[in-house]
């Protein structure tokens, strides 16, 4: 299951709004997914973090230092967040 990212917008610290080619959208908090060490260290700084772009060839997000993130992992994270939200809503109705 490979779904390309077609749009990215950096939000406040460590948050990315993503849109995938199939229309799925969501916000990812990178602080929960990576440590800001090594190649990821420049992403700690907002002025660098907001340079994120979609690499259309790879179908994912990347930064000028060639750091990119696996679109499958990002897609699964967004789907998981959506599923958890639905479960909480259902449990609220049932409970």
PDB file of N, CA and C in Angstrom:
ATOM      1  N   UNK A   1       0.844  -1.169   0.000  1.00  0.00           N
ATOM      2  CA  UNK A   1       0.000   0.000   0.000  1.00  0.00           C
ATOM      3  C   UNK A   1       0.893   1.236   0.000  1.00  0.00           C
ATOM      4  N   UNK A   2       1.056   1.822  -1.153  1.00  0.00           N
ATOM      5  CA  UNK A   2       1.831   3.044  -1.246  1.00  0.00           C
ATOM      6  C   UNK A   2       0.911   4.155  -1.706  1.00  0.00           C
ATOM      7  N   UNK A   3       0.729   5.130  -0.843  1.00  0.00           N
ATOM      8  CA  UNK A   3      -0.109   6.283  -1.148  1.00  0.00           C
ATOM      9  C   UNK A   3       0.780   7.511  -1.035  1.00  0.00           C
ATOM     10  N   UNK A   4       0.910   8.242  -2.131  1.00  0.00           N
ATOM     11  CA  UNK A   4       1.790   9.406  -2.151  1.00  0.00           C
ATOM     12  C   UNK A   4       1.193  10.593  -1.415  1.00  0.00           C
ATOM     13  N   UNK A   5       2.063  11.354  -0.806  1.00  0.00           N
ATOM     14  CA  UNK A   5       1.683  12.635  -0.222  1.00  0.00           C
ATOM     15  C   UNK A   5       1.682  13.657  -1.348  1.00  0.00           C
ATOM     16  N   UNK A   6       0.624  14.444  -1.429  1.00  0.00           N
ATOM     17  CA  UNK A   6       0.530  15.440  -2.500  1.00  0.00           C
ATOM     18  C   UNK A   6       0.572  16.871  -1.977  1.00  0.00           C
ATOM     19  N   UNK A   7       0.428  17.043  -0.659  1.00  0.00           N
ATOM     20  CA  UNK A   7       0.433  18.385  -0.083  1.00  0.00           C
ATOM     21  C   UNK A   7       0.920  18.317   1.352  1.00  0.00           C
ATOM     22  N   UNK A   8       1.715  19.297   1.727  1.00  0.00           N
ATOM     23  CA  UNK A   8       2.173  19.413   3.113  1.00  0.00           C
ATOM     24  C   UNK A   8       2.153  20.878   3.510  1.00  0.00           C
ATOM     25  N   UNK A   9       1.755  21.105   4.753  1.00  0.00           N
ATOM     26  CA  UNK A   9       1.807  22.452   5.321  1.00  0.00           C
ATOM     27  C   UNK A   9       2.339  22.325   6.742  1.00  0.00           C
ATOM     28  N   UNK A  10       3.464  22.989   7.012  1.00  0.00           N
ATOM     29  CA  UNK A  10       3.975  22.950   8.383  1.00  0.00           C
ATOM     30  C   UNK A  10       3.077  23.766   9.295  1.00  0.00           C
ATOM     31  N   UNK A  11       2.807  23.209  10.441  1.00  0.00           N
ATOM     32  CA  UNK A  11       2.038  23.912  11.470  1.00  0.00           C
ATOM     33  C   UNK A  11       3.010  24.272  12.572  1.00  0.00           C
ATOM     34  N   UNK A  12       2.491  24.713  13.683  1.00  0.00           N
ATOM     35  CA  UNK A  12       3.402  25.064  14.779  1.00  0.00           C
ATOM     36  C   UNK A  12       4.335  23.898  15.092  1.00  0.00           C
ATOM     37  N   UNK A  13       5.284  24.161  15.919  1.00  0.00           N
ATOM     38  CA  UNK A  13       6.345  23.228  16.285  1.00  0.00           C
ATOM     39  C   UNK A  13       6.015  21.741  16.093  1.00  0.00           C
ATOM     40  N   UNK A  14       6.737  21.110  15.184  1.00  0.00           N
ATOM     41  CA  UNK A  14       6.712  19.655  14.963  1.00  0.00           C
ATOM     42  C   UNK A  14       5.448  19.099  14.317  1.00  0.00           C
ATOM     43  N   UNK A  15       4.506  19.933  13.931  1.00  0.00           N
ATOM     44  CA  UNK A  15       3.269  19.441  13.325  1.00  0.00           C
ATOM     45  C   UNK A  15       3.270  19.650  11.820  1.00  0.00           C
ATOM     46  N   UNK A  16       2.832  18.616  11.103  1.00  0.00           N
ATOM     47  CA  UNK A  16       2.677  18.695   9.655  1.00  0.00           C
ATOM     48  C   UNK A  16       1.253  18.314   9.284  1.00  0.00           C
ATOM     49  N   UNK A  17       0.611  19.158   8.490  1.00  0.00           N
ATOM     50  CA  UNK A  17      -0.678  18.799   7.896  1.00  0.00           C
ATOM     51  C   UNK A  17      -0.355  18.127   6.574  1.00  0.00           C
ATOM     52  N   UNK A  18      -0.870  16.924   6.366  1.00  0.00           N
ATOM     53  CA  UNK A  18      -0.587  16.151   5.159  1.00  0.00           C
ATOM     54  C   UNK A  18      -1.865  15.818   4.410  1.00  0.00           C
ATOM     55  N   UNK A  19      -1.753  15.800   3.080  1.00  0.00           N
ATOM     56  CA  UNK A  19      -2.840  15.314   2.236  1.00  0.00           C
ATOM     57  C   UNK A  19      -2.256  14.268   1.304  1.00  0.00           C
ATOM     58  N   UNK A  20      -2.941  13.127   1.242  1.00  0.00           N
ATOM     59  CA  UNK A  20      -2.498  12.023   0.398  1.00  0.00           C
ATOM     60  C   UNK A  20      -3.301  12.007  -0.900  1.00  0.00           C
ATOM     61  N   UNK A  21      -2.763  11.322  -1.896  1.00  0.00           N
ATOM     62  CA  UNK A  21      -3.376  11.318  -3.224  1.00  0.00           C
ATOM     63  C   UNK A  21      -4.799  10.752  -3.230  1.00  0.00           C
ATOM     64  N   UNK A  22      -5.164   9.967  -2.236  1.00  0.00           N
ATOM     65  CA  UNK A  22      -6.512   9.408  -2.176  1.00  0.00           C
ATOM     66  C   UNK A  22      -7.482  10.291  -1.393  1.00  0.00           C
ATOM     67  N   UNK A  23      -7.009  11.489  -0.986  1.00  0.00           N
ATOM     68  CA  UNK A  23      -7.869  12.438  -0.291  1.00  0.00           C
ATOM     69  C   UNK A  23      -7.794  12.399   1.224  1.00  0.00           C
ATOM     70  N   UNK A  24      -7.161  11.391   1.786  1.00  0.00           N
ATOM     71  CA  UNK A  24      -7.004  11.309   3.244  1.00  0.00           C
ATOM     72  C   UNK A  24      -6.114  12.463   3.713  1.00  0.00           C
ATOM     73  N   UNK A  25      -6.539  13.124   4.784  1.00  0.00           N
ATOM     74  CA  UNK A  25      -5.763  14.226   5.356  1.00  0.00           C
ATOM     75  C   UNK A  25      -5.610  14.021   6.851  1.00  0.00           C
ATOM     76  N   UNK A  26      -4.623  14.682   7.416  1.00  0.00           N
ATOM     77  CA  UNK A  26      -4.435  14.616   8.849  1.00  0.00           C
ATOM     78  C   UNK A  26      -3.202  15.376   9.279  1.00  0.00           C
ATOM     79  N   UNK A  27      -3.060  15.503  10.588  1.00  0.00           N
ATOM     80  CA  UNK A  27      -1.920  16.204  11.173  1.00  0.00           C
ATOM     81  C   UNK A  27      -1.041  15.188  11.893  1.00  0.00           C
ATOM     82  N   UNK A  28       0.246  15.273  11.623  1.00  0.00           N
ATOM     83  CA  UNK A  28       1.245  14.402  12.238  1.00  0.00           C
ATOM     84  C   UNK A  28       2.084  15.228  13.208  1.00  0.00           C
ATOM     85  N   UNK A  29       2.334  14.687  14.388  1.00  0.00           N
ATOM     86  CA  UNK A  29       3.229  15.316  15.351  1.00  0.00           C
ATOM     87  C   UNK A  29       4.552  14.559  15.304  1.00  0.00           C
ATOM     88  N   UNK A  30       5.551  15.164  14.691  1.00  0.00           N
ATOM     89  CA  UNK A  30       6.828  14.473  14.521  1.00  0.00           C
ATOM     90  C   UNK A  30       7.564  14.247  15.834  1.00  0.00           C
ATOM     91  N   UNK A  31       7.268  15.039  16.857  1.00  0.00           N
ATOM     92  CA  UNK A  31       7.912  14.812  18.155  1.00  0.00           C
ATOM     93  C   UNK A  31       7.615  13.426  18.702  1.00  0.00           C
ATOM     94  N   UNK A  32       6.483  12.876  18.312  1.00  0.00           N
ATOM     95  CA  UNK A  32       6.107  11.541  18.781  1.00  0.00           C
ATOM     96  C   UNK A  32       6.688  10.441  17.897  1.00  0.00           C
ATOM     97  N   UNK A  33       7.305  10.827  16.776  1.00  0.00           N
ATOM     98  CA  UNK A  33       7.760   9.829  15.814  1.00  0.00           C
ATOM     99  C   UNK A  33       9.280   9.756  15.650  1.00  0.00           C
ATOM    100  N   UNK A  34       9.962  10.875  15.883  1.00  0.00           N
ATOM    101  CA  UNK A  34      11.408  10.899  15.674  1.00  0.00           C
ATOM    102  C   UNK A  34      12.090  11.602  16.845  1.00  0.00           C
ATOM    103  N   UNK A  35      13.397  11.371  16.953  1.00  0.00           N
ATOM    104  CA  UNK A  35      14.213  12.148  17.877  1.00  0.00           C
ATOM    105  C   UNK A  35      15.010  13.131  17.036  1.00  0.00           C
ATOM    106  N   UNK A  36      15.153  14.328  17.531  1.00  0.00           N
ATOM    107  CA  UNK A  36      15.846  15.371  16.780  1.00  0.00           C
ATOM    108  C   UNK A  36      17.349  15.280  16.984  1.00  0.00           C
ATOM    109  N   UNK A  37      17.905  14.197  16.459  1.00  0.00           N
ATOM    110  CA  UNK A  37      19.340  13.947  16.530  1.00  0.00           C
ATOM    111  C   UNK A  37      19.827  13.601  15.137  1.00  0.00           C
ATOM    112  N   UNK A  38      21.115  13.707  14.922  1.00  0.00           N
ATOM    113  CA  UNK A  38      21.695  13.352  13.630  1.00  0.00           C
ATOM    114  C   UNK A  38      21.096  14.167  12.501  1.00  0.00           C
ATOM    115  N   UNK A  39      20.658  13.494  11.443  1.00  0.00           N
ATOM    116  CA  UNK A  39      20.110  14.200  10.276  1.00  0.00           C
ATOM    117  C   UNK A  39      18.819  14.932  10.593  1.00  0.00           C
ATOM    118  N   UNK A  40      18.141  14.537  11.666  1.00  0.00           N
ATOM    119  CA  UNK A  40      16.883  15.190  12.051  1.00  0.00           C
ATOM    120  C   UNK A  40      17.096  16.427  12.924  1.00  0.00           C
ATOM    121  N   UNK A  41      18.305  16.648  13.403  1.00  0.00           N
ATOM    122  CA  UNK A  41      18.561  17.759  14.329  1.00  0.00           C
ATOM    123  C   UNK A  41      18.139  19.129  13.785  1.00  0.00           C
ATOM    124  N   UNK A  42      18.389  19.452  12.506  1.00  0.00           N
ATOM    125  CA  UNK A  42      17.967  20.773  12.009  1.00  0.00           C
ATOM    126  C   UNK A  42      16.457  21.014  12.095  1.00  0.00           C
ATOM    127  N   UNK A  43      15.669  19.955  12.141  1.00  0.00           N
ATOM    128  CA  UNK A  43      14.211  20.096  12.196  1.00  0.00           C
ATOM    129  C   UNK A  43      13.719  20.669  13.517  1.00  0.00           C
ATOM    130  N   UNK A  44      14.596  20.732  14.526  1.00  0.00           N
ATOM    131  CA  UNK A  44      14.225  21.324  15.815  1.00  0.00           C
ATOM    132  C   UNK A  44      13.910  22.807  15.667  1.00  0.00           C
ATOM    133  N   UNK A  45      14.575  23.442  14.720  1.00  0.00           N
ATOM    134  CA  UNK A  45      14.430  24.881  14.529  1.00  0.00           C
ATOM    135  C   UNK A  45      13.279  25.168  13.575  1.00  0.00           C
ATOM    136  N   UNK A  46      12.329  25.999  14.016  1.00  0.00           N
ATOM    137  CA  UNK A  46      11.143  26.311  13.213  1.00  0.00           C
ATOM    138  C   UNK A  46      11.508  26.842  11.824  1.00  0.00           C
ATOM    139  N   UNK A  47      12.510  27.702  11.749  1.00  0.00           N
ATOM    140  CA  UNK A  47      12.870  28.278  10.453  1.00  0.00           C
ATOM    141  C   UNK A  47      13.332  27.216   9.455  1.00  0.00           C
ATOM    142  N   UNK A  48      13.882  26.143   9.943  1.00  0.00           N
ATOM    143  CA  UNK A  48      14.272  25.035   9.057  1.00  0.00           C
ATOM    144  C   UNK A  48      13.101  24.073   8.865  1.00  0.00           C
ATOM    145  N   UNK A  49      12.410  23.780   9.921  1.00  0.00           N
ATOM    146  CA  UNK A  49      11.276  22.842   9.855  1.00  0.00           C
ATOM    147  C   UNK A  49      10.270  23.273   8.794  1.00  0.00           C
ATOM    148  N   UNK A  50      10.008  24.578   8.724  1.00  0.00           N
ATOM    149  CA  UNK A  50       8.986  25.069   7.793  1.00  0.00           C
ATOM    150  C   UNK A  50       9.433  25.053   6.334  1.00  0.00           C
ATOM    151  N   UNK A  51      10.655  24.606   6.061  1.00  0.00           N
ATOM    152  CA  UNK A  51      11.130  24.452   4.684  1.00  0.00           C
ATOM    153  C   UNK A  51      10.690  23.128   4.067  1.00  0.00           C
ATOM    154  N   UNK A  52       9.891  22.377   4.776  1.00  0.00           N
ATOM    155  CA  UNK A  52       9.409  21.078   4.294  1.00  0.00           C
ATOM    156  C   UNK A  52       8.680  21.239   2.960  1.00  0.00           C
ATOM    157  N   UNK A  53       8.884  20.288   2.078  1.00  0.00           N
ATOM    158  CA  UNK A  53       8.254  20.279   0.756  1.00  0.00           C
ATOM    159  C   UNK A  53       7.858  18.853   0.401  1.00  0.00           C
ATOM    160  N   UNK A  54       6.966  18.730  -0.579  1.00  0.00           N
ATOM    161  CA  UNK A  54       6.642  17.416  -1.117  1.00  0.00           C
ATOM    162  C   UNK A  54       7.641  17.101  -2.227  1.00  0.00           C
ATOM    163  N   UNK A  55       8.268  15.951  -2.130  1.00  0.00           N
ATOM    164  CA  UNK A  55       9.114  15.444  -3.208  1.00  0.00           C
ATOM    165  C   UNK A  55       8.208  14.572  -4.063  1.00  0.00           C
ATOM    166  N   UNK A  56       7.806  15.084  -5.219  1.00  0.00           N
ATOM    167  CA  UNK A  56       6.835  14.374  -6.057  1.00  0.00           C
ATOM    168  C   UNK A  56       7.393  13.064  -6.595  1.00  0.00           C
ATOM    169  N   UNK A  57       8.687  13.000  -6.798  1.00  0.00           N
ATOM    170  CA  UNK A  57       9.301  11.766  -7.286  1.00  0.00           C
ATOM    171  C   UNK A  57       9.198  10.647  -6.259  1.00  0.00           C
ATOM    172  N   UNK A  58       9.390  11.002  -4.975  1.00  0.00           N
ATOM    173  CA  UNK A  58       9.323  10.020  -3.898  1.00  0.00           C
ATOM    174  C   UNK A  58       7.923   9.882  -3.304  1.00  0.00           C
ATOM    175  N   UNK A  59       7.086  10.899  -3.531  1.00  0.00           N
ATOM    176  CA  UNK A  59       5.734  10.866  -2.977  1.00  0.00           C
ATOM    177  C   UNK A  59       5.683  11.082  -1.481  1.00  0.00           C
ATOM    178  N   UNK A  60       6.670  11.809  -0.972  1.00  0.00           N
ATOM    179  CA  UNK A  60       6.712  12.056   0.462  1.00  0.00           C
ATOM    180  C   UNK A  60       7.245  13.448   0.761  1.00  0.00           C
ATOM    181  N   UNK A  61       7.346  13.763   2.043  1.00  0.00           N
ATOM    182  CA  UNK A  61       7.859  15.064   2.456  1.00  0.00           C
ATOM    183  C   UNK A  61       9.369  14.996   2.637  1.00  0.00           C
ATOM    184  N   UNK A  62      10.021  16.133   2.394  1.00  0.00           N
ATOM    185  CA  UNK A  62      11.469  16.191   2.578  1.00  0.00           C
ATOM    186  C   UNK A  62      11.885  17.611   2.912  1.00  0.00           C
ATOM    187  N   UNK A  63      13.119  17.723   3.369  1.00  0.00           N
ATOM    188  CA  UNK A  63      13.719  19.002   3.719  1.00  0.00           C
ATOM    189  C   UNK A  63      14.958  19.203   2.877  1.00  0.00           C
ATOM    190  N   UNK A  64      15.516  20.424   2.866  1.00  0.00           N
ATOM    191  CA  UNK A  64      16.680  20.707   2.017  1.00  0.00           C
ATOM    192  C   UNK A  64      17.901  19.817   2.259  1.00  0.00           C
ATOM    193  N   UNK A  65      18.049  19.271   3.461  1.00  0.00           N
ATOM    194  CA  UNK A  65      19.194  18.394   3.732  1.00  0.00           C
ATOM    195  C   UNK A  65      18.940  16.959   3.265  1.00  0.00           C
ATOM    196  N   UNK A  66      17.900  16.779   2.452  1.00  0.00           N
ATOM    197  CA  UNK A  66      17.549  15.473   1.846  1.00  0.00           C
ATOM    198  C   UNK A  66      16.904  14.499   2.819  1.00  0.00           C
ATOM    199  N   UNK A  67      16.576  14.939   4.022  1.00  0.00           N
ATOM    200  CA  UNK A  67      15.850  14.087   4.967  1.00  0.00           C
ATOM    201  C   UNK A  67      14.428  13.934   4.461  1.00  0.00           C
ATOM    202  N   UNK A  68      13.966  12.693   4.415  1.00  0.00           N
ATOM    203  CA  UNK A  68      12.570  12.442   4.064  1.00  0.00           C
ATOM    204  C   UNK A  68      11.990  11.432   5.036  1.00  0.00           C
ATOM    205  N   UNK A  69      10.675  11.322   5.008  1.00  0.00           N
ATOM    206  CA  UNK A  69       9.978  10.408   5.915  1.00  0.00           C
ATOM    207  C   UNK A  69       9.189   9.404   5.094  1.00  0.00           C
ATOM    208  N   UNK A  70       9.074   8.207   5.603  1.00  0.00           N
ATOM    209  CA  UNK A  70       8.373   7.131   4.911  1.00  0.00           C
ATOM    210  C   UNK A  70       6.881   7.463   4.821  1.00  0.00           C
ATOM    211  N   UNK A  71       6.342   7.613   3.598  1.00  0.00           N
ATOM    212  CA  UNK A  71       4.927   7.967   3.473  1.00  0.00           C
ATOM    213  C   UNK A  71       3.989   6.886   4.006  1.00  0.00           C
ATOM    214  N   UNK A  72       4.404   5.632   3.965  1.00  0.00           N
ATOM    215  CA  UNK A  72       3.560   4.551   4.484  1.00  0.00           C
ATOM    216  C   UNK A  72       3.393   4.691   5.995  1.00  0.00           C
ATOM    217  N   UNK A  73       4.475   4.997   6.689  1.00  0.00           N
ATOM    218  CA  UNK A  73       4.417   5.186   8.143  1.00  0.00           C
ATOM    219  C   UNK A  73       3.512   6.374   8.474  1.00  0.00           C
ATOM    220  N   UNK A  74       3.661   7.467   7.738  1.00  0.00           N
ATOM    221  CA  UNK A  74       2.839   8.654   7.981  1.00  0.00           C
ATOM    222  C   UNK A  74       1.365   8.368   7.710  1.00  0.00           C
ATOM    223  N   UNK A  75       1.097   7.649   6.642  1.00  0.00           N
ATOM    224  CA  UNK A  75      -0.281   7.301   6.278  1.00  0.00           C
ATOM    225  C   UNK A  75      -0.922   6.427   7.358  1.00  0.00           C
ATOM    226  N   UNK A  76      -0.194   5.420   7.793  1.00  0.00           N
ATOM    227  CA  UNK A  76      -0.715   4.528   8.844  1.00  0.00           C
ATOM    228  C   UNK A  76      -0.960   5.285  10.143  1.00  0.00           C
ATOM    229  N   UNK A  77      -0.089   6.231  10.476  1.00  0.00           N
ATOM    230  CA  UNK A  77      -0.255   7.024  11.695  1.00  0.00           C
ATOM    231  C   UNK A  77      -1.541   7.854  11.617  1.00  0.00           C
ATOM    232  N   UNK A  78      -1.791   8.462  10.475  1.00  0.00           N
ATOM    233  CA  UNK A  78      -3.012   9.260  10.318  1.00  0.00           C
ATOM    234  C   UNK A  78      -4.244   8.369  10.379  1.00  0.00           C
ATOM    235  N   UNK A  79      -4.210   7.219   9.711  1.00  0.00           N
ATOM    236  CA  UNK A  79      -5.354   6.306   9.769  1.00  0.00           C
ATOM    237  C   UNK A  79      -5.596   5.820  11.190  1.00  0.00           C
ATOM    238  N   UNK A  80      -4.530   5.532  11.912  1.00  0.00           N
ATOM    239  CA  UNK A  80      -4.662   5.075  13.295  1.00  0.00           C
ATOM    240  C   UNK A  80      -5.318   6.151  14.160  1.00  0.00           C
ATOM    241  N   UNK A  81      -4.909   7.399  13.981  1.00  0.00           N
ATOM    242  CA  UNK A  81      -5.510   8.498  14.740  1.00  0.00           C
ATOM    243  C   UNK A  81      -6.993   8.625  14.428  1.00  0.00           C
ATOM    244  N   UNK A  82      -7.366   8.463  13.154  1.00  0.00           N
ATOM    245  CA  UNK A  82      -8.775   8.557  12.760  1.00  0.00           C
ATOM    246  C   UNK A  82      -9.576   7.403  13.363  1.00  0.00           C
ATOM    247  N   UNK A  83      -8.998   6.198  13.364  1.00  0.00           N
ATOM    248  CA  UNK A  83      -9.686   5.039  13.946  1.00  0.00           C
ATOM    249  C   UNK A  83      -9.888   5.227  15.442  1.00  0.00           C
ATOM    250  N   UNK A  84      -8.871   5.733  16.136  1.00  0.00           N
ATOM    251  CA  UNK A  84      -8.978   5.969  17.575  1.00  0.00           C
ATOM    252  C   UNK A  84     -10.069   6.989  17.880  1.00  0.00           C
ATOM    253  N   UNK A  85     -10.177   8.011  17.055  1.00  0.00           N
ATOM    254  CA  UNK A  85     -11.203   9.034  17.250  1.00  0.00           C
ATOM    255  C   UNK A  85     -12.598   8.424  17.098  1.00  0.00           C
ATOM    256  N   UNK A  86     -12.774   7.590  16.079  1.00  0.00           N
ATOM    257  CA  UNK A  86     -14.070   6.933  15.867  1.00  0.00           C
ATOM    258  C   UNK A  86     -14.399   6.022  17.048  1.00  0.00           C
ATOM    259  N   UNK A  87     -13.418   5.261  17.522  1.00  0.00           N
ATOM    260  CA  UNK A  87     -13.641   4.369  18.660  1.00  0.00           C
ATOM    261  C   UNK A  87     -14.060   5.145  19.903  1.00  0.00           C
ATOM    262  N   UNK A  88     -13.399   6.283  20.151  1.00  0.00           N
ATOM    263  CA  UNK A  88     -13.775   7.094  21.316  1.00  0.00           C
ATOM    264  C   UNK A  88     -15.205   7.608  21.180  1.00  0.00           C
ATOM    265  N   UNK A  89     -15.586   7.985  19.965  1.00  0.00           N
ATOM    266  CA  UNK A  89     -16.937   8.473  19.739  1.00  0.00           C
ATOM    267  C   UNK A  89     -17.959   7.371  19.959  1.00  0.00           C
ATOM    268  N   UNK A  90     -17.675   6.183  19.443  1.00  0.00           N
ATOM    269  CA  UNK A  90     -18.580   5.042  19.612  1.00  0.00           C
ATOM    270  C   UNK A  90     -18.692   4.666  21.076  1.00  0.00           C
ATOM    271  N   UNK A  91     -17.573   4.629  21.771  1.00  0.00           N
ATOM    272  CA  UNK A  91     -17.580   4.274  23.189  1.00  0.00           C
ATOM    273  C   UNK A  91     -18.364   5.315  23.993  1.00  0.00           C
ATOM    274  N   UNK A  92     -18.265   6.568  23.586  1.00  0.00           N
ATOM    275  CA  UNK A  92     -19.011   7.619  24.267  1.00  0.00           C
ATOM    276  C   UNK A  92     -20.510   7.455  24.105  1.00  0.00           C
ATOM    277  N   UNK A  93     -20.923   6.999  22.921  1.00  0.00           N
ATOM    278  CA  UNK A  93     -22.351   6.782  22.650  1.00  0.00           C
ATOM    279  C   UNK A  93     -22.843   5.554  23.397  1.00  0.00           C
ATOM    280  N   UNK A  94     -22.036   4.484  23.399  1.00  0.00           N
ATOM    281  CA  UNK A  94     -22.415   3.226  24.042  1.00  0.00           C
ATOM    282  C   UNK A  94     -22.342   3.365  25.558  1.00  0.00           C
ATOM    283  N   UNK A  95     -21.298   4.036  26.052  1.00  0.00           N
ATOM    284  CA  UNK A  95     -21.069   4.104  27.496  1.00  0.00           C
ATOM    285  C   UNK A  95     -21.911   5.150  28.092  1.00  0.00           C
TER     286      UNK A  95
END
